[in-house]
Amino acid sequence: MKADIQGEIRLKSYFPNCSEMRIGLTEEFCVGKAELRGYGTAVRVDECAFHSSVKLDEFESCRILKVNPTQGELLVMQYQLSDDIPSALPFHLFPTVQRDPAGRLAVYLKLRCDLSPKSQALNVRVELPVPKGVVSLSQELSSPEQTAELQPNTKSVCWVIPRVQGGSQLSALFKLEVPGLSSSSLLEVGPVNMAFELPMHTCSGLQIRFLRFTAPQAGLPHRWVRYVTHSDSYVIRL
């Protein structure tokens, strides 16, 4: 298994003029394998880079970034972590591929979401490559809000799930009519490619402790933090 995380902290400001903002990161945040901080569970990344306007004089001692936000969007920080992922992968797929008694290609997929029960995944898409000779598809899905369709242009079945709760399991049975189905046809199934969004979840474990202005702001600006994880390439071999 190979896993990589590429993350960023992006700041959006709707004020034309703001005083300096202090962004407090997880105190146990460390960069590189040699550095350890604090007594709790360390949040580690391999490397990180900051926007040229970010002041780092409190970063080493307190893990605080300082920035003077202008109106608009600013990419404050980017980070990367490879292989040693601190959290469990969000999804595991258990496939079965075989020929059914009617001579059709039967693919059974059981999808398990390993997020916390308080979390959920949105807009989940499972793309299953199938043999190029498929002429029809029948399906059995585990809940009515799911959909699936055969996409001839990409020679794949697309299984769409609007929402998956953490700790739950879903399943789909696809029966495909393939003229001249043979043992080699089964080898054309997969690998599966998944796309999804995980709101309020970071795979790295990095968190924002606080957002503070160093000087009073007129109008008491509202501050909020939004966490989101997007899949980039989530591929599962069958």
C-alpha atoms as a PDB file:
ATOM      1  CA  MET A   1       0.000   0.000   0.000  1.00  0.00           C
ATOM      2  CA  LYS A   2       1.229   3.500  -0.843  1.00  0.00           C
ATOM      3  CA  ALA A   3      -0.362   6.607   0.648  1.00  0.00           C
ATOM      4  CA  ASP A   4       0.461  10.307   0.383  1.00  0.00           C
ATOM      5  CA  ILE A   5      -1.137  13.382   1.922  1.00  0.00           C
ATOM      6  CA  GLN A   6      -0.842  16.831   0.381  1.00  0.00           C
ATOM      7  CA  GLY A   7      -2.453  19.525   2.501  1.00  0.00           C
ATOM      8  CA  GLU A   8      -2.737  23.268   2.754  1.00  0.00           C
ATOM      9  CA  ILE A   9      -3.994  26.067   4.974  1.00  0.00           C
ATOM     10  CA  ARG A  10      -5.914  28.601   2.906  1.00  0.00           C
ATOM     11  CA  LEU A  11      -7.139  31.911   4.342  1.00  0.00           C
ATOM     12  CA  LYS A  12     -10.094  33.839   2.928  1.00  0.00           C
ATOM     13  CA  SER A  13     -10.623  37.419   4.122  1.00  0.00           C
ATOM     14  CA  TYR A  14     -13.640  39.575   3.327  1.00  0.00           C
ATOM     15  CA  PHE A  15     -12.270  42.721   5.033  1.00  0.00           C
ATOM     16  CA  PRO A  16     -10.387  45.337   2.971  1.00  0.00           C
ATOM     17  CA  ASN A  17      -8.076  46.099   5.911  1.00  0.00           C
ATOM     18  CA  CYS A  18      -7.249  43.729   8.763  1.00  0.00           C
ATOM     19  CA  SER A  19      -4.791  43.901  11.607  1.00  0.00           C
ATOM     20  CA  GLU A  20      -2.239  41.136  12.000  1.00  0.00           C
ATOM     21  CA  MET A  21      -3.756  37.687  12.502  1.00  0.00           C
ATOM     22  CA  ARG A  22      -2.134  34.972  14.616  1.00  0.00           C
ATOM     23  CA  ILE A  23      -2.879  31.383  13.588  1.00  0.00           C
ATOM     24  CA  GLY A  24      -2.134  28.791  16.259  1.00  0.00           C
ATOM     25  CA  LEU A  25      -1.397  25.283  14.996  1.00  0.00           C
ATOM     26  CA  THR A  26      -1.322  22.005  16.918  1.00  0.00           C
ATOM     27  CA  GLU A  27       1.416  22.388  19.548  1.00  0.00           C
ATOM     28  CA  GLU A  28       2.800  18.885  18.854  1.00  0.00           C
ATOM     29  CA  PHE A  29       3.143  19.668  15.136  1.00  0.00           C
ATOM     30  CA  CYS A  30       6.595  18.650  13.869  1.00  0.00           C
ATOM     31  CA  VAL A  31       8.313  18.770  10.489  1.00  0.00           C
ATOM     32  CA  GLY A  32      10.555  15.862   9.506  1.00  0.00           C
ATOM     33  CA  LYS A  33      11.093  12.508  11.178  1.00  0.00           C
ATOM     34  CA  ALA A  34      13.826  13.653  13.565  1.00  0.00           C
ATOM     35  CA  GLU A  35      11.794  16.332  15.336  1.00  0.00           C
ATOM     36  CA  LEU A  36       9.492  15.444  18.247  1.00  0.00           C
ATOM     37  CA  ARG A  37       7.551  17.959  20.315  1.00  0.00           C
ATOM     38  CA  GLY A  38       5.522  17.784  23.512  1.00  0.00           C
ATOM     39  CA  TYR A  39       4.305  14.753  25.393  1.00  0.00           C
ATOM     40  CA  GLY A  40       1.173  13.947  23.399  1.00  0.00           C
ATOM     41  CA  THR A  41       0.752  12.254  20.059  1.00  0.00           C
ATOM     42  CA  ALA A  42       2.871  14.166  17.561  1.00  0.00           C
ATOM     43  CA  VAL A  43       1.375  15.467  14.330  1.00  0.00           C
ATOM     44  CA  ARG A  44       4.159  15.048  11.797  1.00  0.00           C
ATOM     45  CA  VAL A  45       4.655  16.027   8.160  1.00  0.00           C
ATOM     46  CA  ASP A  46       7.661  15.398   5.937  1.00  0.00           C
ATOM     47  CA  GLU A  47       7.951  18.981   4.742  1.00  0.00           C
ATOM     48  CA  CYS A  48       6.054  22.254   4.622  1.00  0.00           C
ATOM     49  CA  ALA A  49       6.300  25.604   2.838  1.00  0.00           C
ATOM     50  CA  PHE A  50       4.880  29.020   3.717  1.00  0.00           C
ATOM     51  CA  HIS A  51       3.756  32.046   1.732  1.00  0.00           C
ATOM     52  CA  SER A  52       6.442  34.725   1.618  1.00  0.00           C
ATOM     53  CA  SER A  53       4.269  37.132   3.649  1.00  0.00           C
ATOM     54  CA  VAL A  54       3.904  34.756   6.625  1.00  0.00           C
ATOM     55  CA  LYS A  55       5.973  35.714   9.686  1.00  0.00           C
ATOM     56  CA  LEU A  56       7.560  32.722  11.396  1.00  0.00           C
ATOM     57  CA  ASP A  57       9.223  34.269  14.471  1.00  0.00           C
ATOM     58  CA  GLU A  58       6.843  32.351  16.795  1.00  0.00           C
ATOM     59  CA  PHE A  59       6.603  29.189  14.743  1.00  0.00           C
ATOM     60  CA  GLU A  60       9.519  27.248  16.240  1.00  0.00           C
ATOM     61  CA  SER A  61       8.641  28.039  19.858  1.00  0.00           C
ATOM     62  CA  CYS A  62       4.822  28.171  19.846  1.00  0.00           C
ATOM     63  CA  ARG A  63       3.693  26.884  16.430  1.00  0.00           C
ATOM     64  CA  ILE A  64       2.092  30.238  15.642  1.00  0.00           C
ATOM     65  CA  LEU A  65       1.932  31.809  12.172  1.00  0.00           C
ATOM     66  CA  LYS A  66       1.440  35.561  11.777  1.00  0.00           C
ATOM     67  CA  VAL A  67      -0.007  37.148   8.680  1.00  0.00           C
ATOM     68  CA  ASN A  68      -1.564  40.460   7.600  1.00  0.00           C
ATOM     69  CA  PRO A  69      -4.485  39.256   5.481  1.00  0.00           C
ATOM     70  CA  THR A  70      -5.622  41.371   2.564  1.00  0.00           C
ATOM     71  CA  GLN A  71      -9.084  41.057   1.086  1.00  0.00           C
ATOM     72  CA  GLY A  72      -9.270  37.853  -0.914  1.00  0.00           C
ATOM     73  CA  GLU A  73      -7.581  34.480  -0.656  1.00  0.00           C
ATOM     74  CA  LEU A  74      -4.112  33.574   0.571  1.00  0.00           C
ATOM     75  CA  LEU A  75      -2.387  30.177   0.515  1.00  0.00           C
ATOM     76  CA  VAL A  76      -0.721  30.395   3.930  1.00  0.00           C
ATOM     77  CA  MET A  77       0.969  27.000   4.099  1.00  0.00           C
ATOM     78  CA  GLN A  78       1.399  23.752   2.155  1.00  0.00           C
ATOM     79  CA  TYR A  79       2.558  20.447   3.599  1.00  0.00           C
ATOM     80  CA  GLN A  80       3.223  16.873   2.515  1.00  0.00           C
ATOM     81  CA  LEU A  81       3.367  13.480   4.201  1.00  0.00           C
ATOM     82  CA  SER A  82       4.213  10.149   2.535  1.00  0.00           C
ATOM     83  CA  ASP A  83       3.604   6.540   3.600  1.00  0.00           C
ATOM     84  CA  ASP A  84       3.465   6.963   7.399  1.00  0.00           C
ATOM     85  CA  ILE A  85      -0.183   8.088   7.554  1.00  0.00           C
ATOM     86  CA  PRO A  86      -1.336   8.697  11.166  1.00  0.00           C
ATOM     87  CA  SER A  87      -5.012   7.871  10.657  1.00  0.00           C
ATOM     88  CA  ALA A  88      -6.753   4.843   9.175  1.00  0.00           C
ATOM     89  CA  LEU A  89      -7.700   4.992   5.512  1.00  0.00           C
ATOM     90  CA  PRO A  90     -11.304   6.207   5.191  1.00  0.00           C
ATOM     91  CA  PHE A  91     -12.531   3.324   2.991  1.00  0.00           C
ATOM     92  CA  HIS A  92     -11.875  -0.378   2.532  1.00  0.00           C
ATOM     93  CA  LEU A  93     -13.354  -2.322  -0.376  1.00  0.00           C
ATOM     94  CA  PHE A  94     -14.012  -6.067  -0.382  1.00  0.00           C
ATOM     95  CA  PRO A  95     -14.643  -7.345  -3.948  1.00  0.00           C
ATOM     96  CA  THR A  96     -15.796 -10.676  -5.366  1.00  0.00           C
ATOM     97  CA  VAL A  97     -15.575 -11.278  -9.125  1.00  0.00           C
ATOM     98  CA  GLN A  98     -16.971 -14.459 -10.690  1.00  0.00           C
ATOM     99  CA  ARG A  99     -19.132 -15.947 -13.445  1.00  0.00           C
ATOM    100  CA  ASP A 100     -22.741 -16.537 -12.324  1.00  0.00           C
ATOM    101  CA  PRO A 101     -24.870 -19.603 -13.298  1.00  0.00           C
ATOM    102  CA  ALA A 102     -26.456 -17.645 -16.159  1.00  0.00           C
ATOM    103  CA  GLY A 103     -23.051 -17.009 -17.727  1.00  0.00           C
ATOM    104  CA  ARG A 104     -22.907 -13.344 -16.745  1.00  0.00           C
ATOM    105  CA  LEU A 105     -20.009 -11.565 -15.075  1.00  0.00           C
ATOM    106  CA  ALA A 106     -20.994 -10.941 -11.437  1.00  0.00           C
ATOM    107  CA  VAL A 107     -19.121  -8.340  -9.382  1.00  0.00           C
ATOM    108  CA  TYR A 108     -20.018  -7.943  -5.707  1.00  0.00           C
ATOM    109  CA  LEU A 109     -18.556  -4.928  -3.891  1.00  0.00           C
ATOM    110  CA  LYS A 110     -18.771  -4.363  -0.137  1.00  0.00           C
ATOM    111  CA  LEU A 111     -17.645  -0.880   0.865  1.00  0.00           C
ATOM    112  CA  ARG A 112     -16.760  -0.174   4.498  1.00  0.00           C
ATOM    113  CA  CYS A 113     -16.318   3.368   5.802  1.00  0.00           C
ATOM    114  CA  ASP A 114     -13.727   3.423   8.601  1.00  0.00           C
ATOM    115  CA  LEU A 115     -14.344   7.011   9.687  1.00  0.00           C
ATOM    116  CA  SER A 116     -15.652   7.790  13.163  1.00  0.00           C
ATOM    117  CA  PRO A 117     -19.450   7.276  13.478  1.00  0.00           C
ATOM    118  CA  LYS A 118     -19.692  11.048  14.035  1.00  0.00           C
ATOM    119  CA  SER A 119     -18.117  11.709  10.631  1.00  0.00           C
ATOM    120  CA  GLN A 120     -19.360  11.161   7.104  1.00  0.00           C
ATOM    121  CA  ALA A 121     -18.188  11.108   3.509  1.00  0.00           C
ATOM    122  CA  LEU A 122     -20.021  13.030   0.787  1.00  0.00           C
ATOM    123  CA  ASN A 123     -20.334  12.647  -2.979  1.00  0.00           C
ATOM    124  CA  VAL A 124     -18.716   9.222  -3.071  1.00  0.00           C
ATOM    125  CA  ARG A 125     -18.044   7.834  -6.564  1.00  0.00           C
ATOM    126  CA  VAL A 126     -16.754   4.330  -7.206  1.00  0.00           C
ATOM    127  CA  GLU A 127     -15.498   3.736 -10.769  1.00  0.00           C
ATOM    128  CA  LEU A 128     -15.149   0.079 -11.730  1.00  0.00           C
ATOM    129  CA  PRO A 129     -13.447  -0.705 -15.080  1.00  0.00           C
ATOM    130  CA  VAL A 130     -15.156  -3.631 -16.839  1.00  0.00           C
ATOM    131  CA  PRO A 131     -14.443  -5.721 -19.968  1.00  0.00           C
ATOM    132  CA  LYS A 132     -14.830  -3.766 -23.198  1.00  0.00           C
ATOM    133  CA  GLY A 133     -17.468  -6.144 -24.608  1.00  0.00           C
ATOM    134  CA  VAL A 134     -20.151  -5.451 -21.949  1.00  0.00           C
ATOM    135  CA  VAL A 135     -23.577  -4.906 -23.534  1.00  0.00           C
ATOM    136  CA  SER A 136     -25.877  -4.604 -20.494  1.00  0.00           C
ATOM    137  CA  LEU A 137     -25.869  -4.110 -16.727  1.00  0.00           C
ATOM    138  CA  SER A 138     -28.256  -5.154 -13.962  1.00  0.00           C
ATOM    139  CA  GLN A 139     -27.684  -4.005 -10.395  1.00  0.00           C
ATOM    140  CA  GLU A 140     -28.698  -4.548  -6.784  1.00  0.00           C
ATOM    141  CA  LEU A 141     -27.788  -1.663  -4.461  1.00  0.00           C
ATOM    142  CA  SER A 142     -28.041  -1.683  -0.669  1.00  0.00           C
ATOM    143  CA  SER A 143     -29.998   1.590  -0.335  1.00  0.00           C
ATOM    144  CA  PRO A 144     -32.378   3.550  -2.591  1.00  0.00           C
ATOM    145  CA  GLU A 145     -30.377   6.802  -2.715  1.00  0.00           C
ATOM    146  CA  GLN A 146     -27.484   5.039  -4.466  1.00  0.00           C
ATOM    147  CA  THR A 147     -27.260   4.958  -8.260  1.00  0.00           C
ATOM    148  CA  ALA A 148     -25.122   3.073 -10.755  1.00  0.00           C
ATOM    149  CA  GLU A 149     -24.783   3.145 -14.516  1.00  0.00           C
ATOM    150  CA  LEU A 150     -22.706   1.614 -17.258  1.00  0.00           C
ATOM    151  CA  GLN A 151     -20.515   4.186 -19.012  1.00  0.00           C
ATOM    152  CA  PRO A 152     -19.585   2.799 -22.452  1.00  0.00           C
ATOM    153  CA  ASN A 153     -17.144   5.620 -23.274  1.00  0.00           C
ATOM    154  CA  THR A 154     -14.900   4.810 -20.309  1.00  0.00           C
ATOM    155  CA  LYS A 155     -15.777   1.070 -20.221  1.00  0.00           C
ATOM    156  CA  SER A 156     -16.671   1.303 -16.552  1.00  0.00           C
ATOM    157  CA  VAL A 157     -19.519   1.103 -14.055  1.00  0.00           C
ATOM    158  CA  CYS A 158     -19.991   4.250 -11.969  1.00  0.00           C
ATOM    159  CA  TRP A 159     -21.519   3.705  -8.505  1.00  0.00           C
ATOM    160  CA  VAL A 160     -22.597   6.967  -6.839  1.00  0.00           C
ATOM    161  CA  ILE A 161     -23.367   7.316  -3.117  1.00  0.00           C
ATOM    162  CA  PRO A 162     -24.439  10.792  -1.929  1.00  0.00           C
ATOM    163  CA  ARG A 163     -23.550  10.229   1.740  1.00  0.00           C
ATOM    164  CA  VAL A 164     -21.778   7.500   3.756  1.00  0.00           C
ATOM    165  CA  GLN A 165     -21.819   7.554   7.556  1.00  0.00           C
ATOM    166  CA  GLY A 166     -18.649   6.571   9.406  1.00  0.00           C
ATOM    167  CA  GLY A 167     -18.698   2.974  10.631  1.00  0.00           C
ATOM    168  CA  SER A 168     -21.279   1.862   8.056  1.00  0.00           C
ATOM    169  CA  GLN A 169     -21.129  -0.684   5.230  1.00  0.00           C
ATOM    170  CA  LEU A 170     -22.729  -0.523   1.798  1.00  0.00           C
ATOM    171  CA  SER A 171     -22.854  -3.065  -0.983  1.00  0.00           C
ATOM    172  CA  ALA A 172     -23.544  -3.381  -4.682  1.00  0.00           C
ATOM    173  CA  LEU A 173     -24.020  -6.392  -6.937  1.00  0.00           C
ATOM    174  CA  PHE A 174     -23.425  -5.812 -10.644  1.00  0.00           C
ATOM    175  CA  LYS A 175     -24.303  -8.437 -13.255  1.00  0.00           C
ATOM    176  CA  LEU A 176     -22.836  -7.718 -16.665  1.00  0.00           C
ATOM    177  CA  GLU A 177     -23.684  -9.346 -19.978  1.00  0.00           C
ATOM    178  CA  VAL A 178     -20.392  -9.975 -21.790  1.00  0.00           C
ATOM    179  CA  PRO A 179     -20.558 -11.872 -25.119  1.00  0.00           C
ATOM    180  CA  GLY A 180     -17.816 -14.495 -25.242  1.00  0.00           C
ATOM    181  CA  LEU A 181     -17.086 -14.211 -21.514  1.00  0.00           C
ATOM    182  CA  SER A 182     -13.860 -16.040 -20.645  1.00  0.00           C
ATOM    183  CA  SER A 183     -11.426 -16.347 -17.765  1.00  0.00           C
ATOM    184  CA  SER A 184      -9.337 -13.553 -19.260  1.00  0.00           C
ATOM    185  CA  SER A 185     -12.394 -11.261 -19.151  1.00  0.00           C
ATOM    186  CA  LEU A 186     -12.306 -11.405 -15.354  1.00  0.00           C
ATOM    187  CA  LEU A 187      -8.796  -9.938 -15.438  1.00  0.00           C
ATOM    188  CA  GLU A 188     -10.164  -6.826 -17.158  1.00  0.00           C
ATOM    189  CA  VAL A 189     -12.195  -5.903 -14.058  1.00  0.00           C
ATOM    190  CA  GLY A 190     -10.585  -3.146 -11.956  1.00  0.00           C
ATOM    191  CA  PRO A 191      -8.686  -1.526 -10.421  1.00  0.00           C
ATOM    192  CA  VAL A 192     -11.337   0.568  -8.646  1.00  0.00           C
ATOM    193  CA  ASN A 193     -10.907   4.337  -8.478  1.00  0.00           C
ATOM    194  CA  MET A 194     -12.764   6.268  -5.748  1.00  0.00           C
ATOM    195  CA  ALA A 195     -13.558   9.963  -5.372  1.00  0.00           C
ATOM    196  CA  PHE A 196     -15.059  11.529  -2.241  1.00  0.00           C
ATOM    197  CA  GLU A 197     -15.123  14.482   0.150  1.00  0.00           C
ATOM    198  CA  LEU A 198     -14.620  14.276   3.928  1.00  0.00           C
ATOM    199  CA  PRO A 199     -15.964  17.401   5.679  1.00  0.00           C
ATOM    200  CA  MET A 200     -14.460  18.377   9.052  1.00  0.00           C
ATOM    201  CA  HIS A 201     -11.714  15.764   8.698  1.00  0.00           C
ATOM    202  CA  THR A 202      -7.946  15.937   8.193  1.00  0.00           C
ATOM    203  CA  CYS A 203      -5.968  12.783   7.480  1.00  0.00           C
ATOM    204  CA  SER A 204      -2.773  14.401   8.807  1.00  0.00           C
ATOM    205  CA  GLY A 205      -4.270  15.286  12.197  1.00  0.00           C
ATOM    206  CA  LEU A 206      -3.166  18.925  11.891  1.00  0.00           C
ATOM    207  CA  GLN A 207      -5.598  21.304  13.613  1.00  0.00           C
ATOM    208  CA  ILE A 208      -6.041  25.061  14.053  1.00  0.00           C
ATOM    209  CA  ARG A 209      -5.903  25.912  17.786  1.00  0.00           C
ATOM    210  CA  PHE A 210      -6.990  29.529  17.426  1.00  0.00           C
ATOM    211  CA  LEU A 211      -7.357  32.556  15.144  1.00  0.00           C
ATOM    212  CA  ARG A 212      -6.662  35.896  16.856  1.00  0.00           C
ATOM    213  CA  PHE A 213      -6.224  39.492  15.790  1.00  0.00           C
ATOM    214  CA  THR A 214      -3.423  41.393  17.516  1.00  0.00           C
ATOM    215  CA  ALA A 215      -5.468  44.628  17.480  1.00  0.00           C
ATOM    216  CA  PRO A 216      -9.234  45.193  17.944  1.00  0.00           C
ATOM    217  CA  GLN A 217     -11.208  44.956  14.726  1.00  0.00           C
ATOM    218  CA  ALA A 218     -14.132  47.226  13.930  1.00  0.00           C
ATOM    219  CA  GLY A 219     -17.323  45.280  13.394  1.00  0.00           C
ATOM    220  CA  LEU A 220     -16.223  42.192  15.356  1.00  0.00           C
ATOM    221  CA  PRO A 221     -15.314  40.025  12.352  1.00  0.00           C
ATOM    222  CA  HIS A 222     -16.584  36.470  12.449  1.00  0.00           C
ATOM    223  CA  ARG A 223     -13.831  33.827  12.322  1.00  0.00           C
ATOM    224  CA  TRP A 224     -14.355  30.210  11.507  1.00  0.00           C
ATOM    225  CA  VAL A 225     -12.286  27.195  10.523  1.00  0.00           C
ATOM    226  CA  ARG A 226     -13.394  24.667   7.926  1.00  0.00           C
ATOM    227  CA  TYR A 227     -11.628  21.327   7.509  1.00  0.00           C
ATOM    228  CA  VAL A 228     -12.115  19.271   4.368  1.00  0.00           C
ATOM    229  CA  THR A 229     -10.349  16.300   2.753  1.00  0.00           C
ATOM    230  CA  HIS A 230     -10.657  15.620  -0.982  1.00  0.00           C
ATOM    231  CA  SER A 231      -9.543  12.398  -2.609  1.00  0.00           C
ATOM    232  CA  ASP A 232      -6.988  12.861  -5.356  1.00  0.00           C
ATOM    233  CA  SER A 233      -6.096   9.359  -6.486  1.00  0.00           C
ATOM    234  CA  TYR A 234      -7.664   6.621  -4.336  1.00  0.00           C
ATOM    235  CA  VAL A 235      -7.094   3.379  -6.226  1.00  0.00           C
ATOM    236  CA  ILE A 236      -7.867  -0.151  -5.011  1.00  0.00           C
ATOM    237  CA  ARG A 237      -6.620  -3.215  -6.861  1.00  0.00           C
ATOM    238  CA  LEU A 238      -9.048  -6.148  -7.103  1.00  0.00           C
END
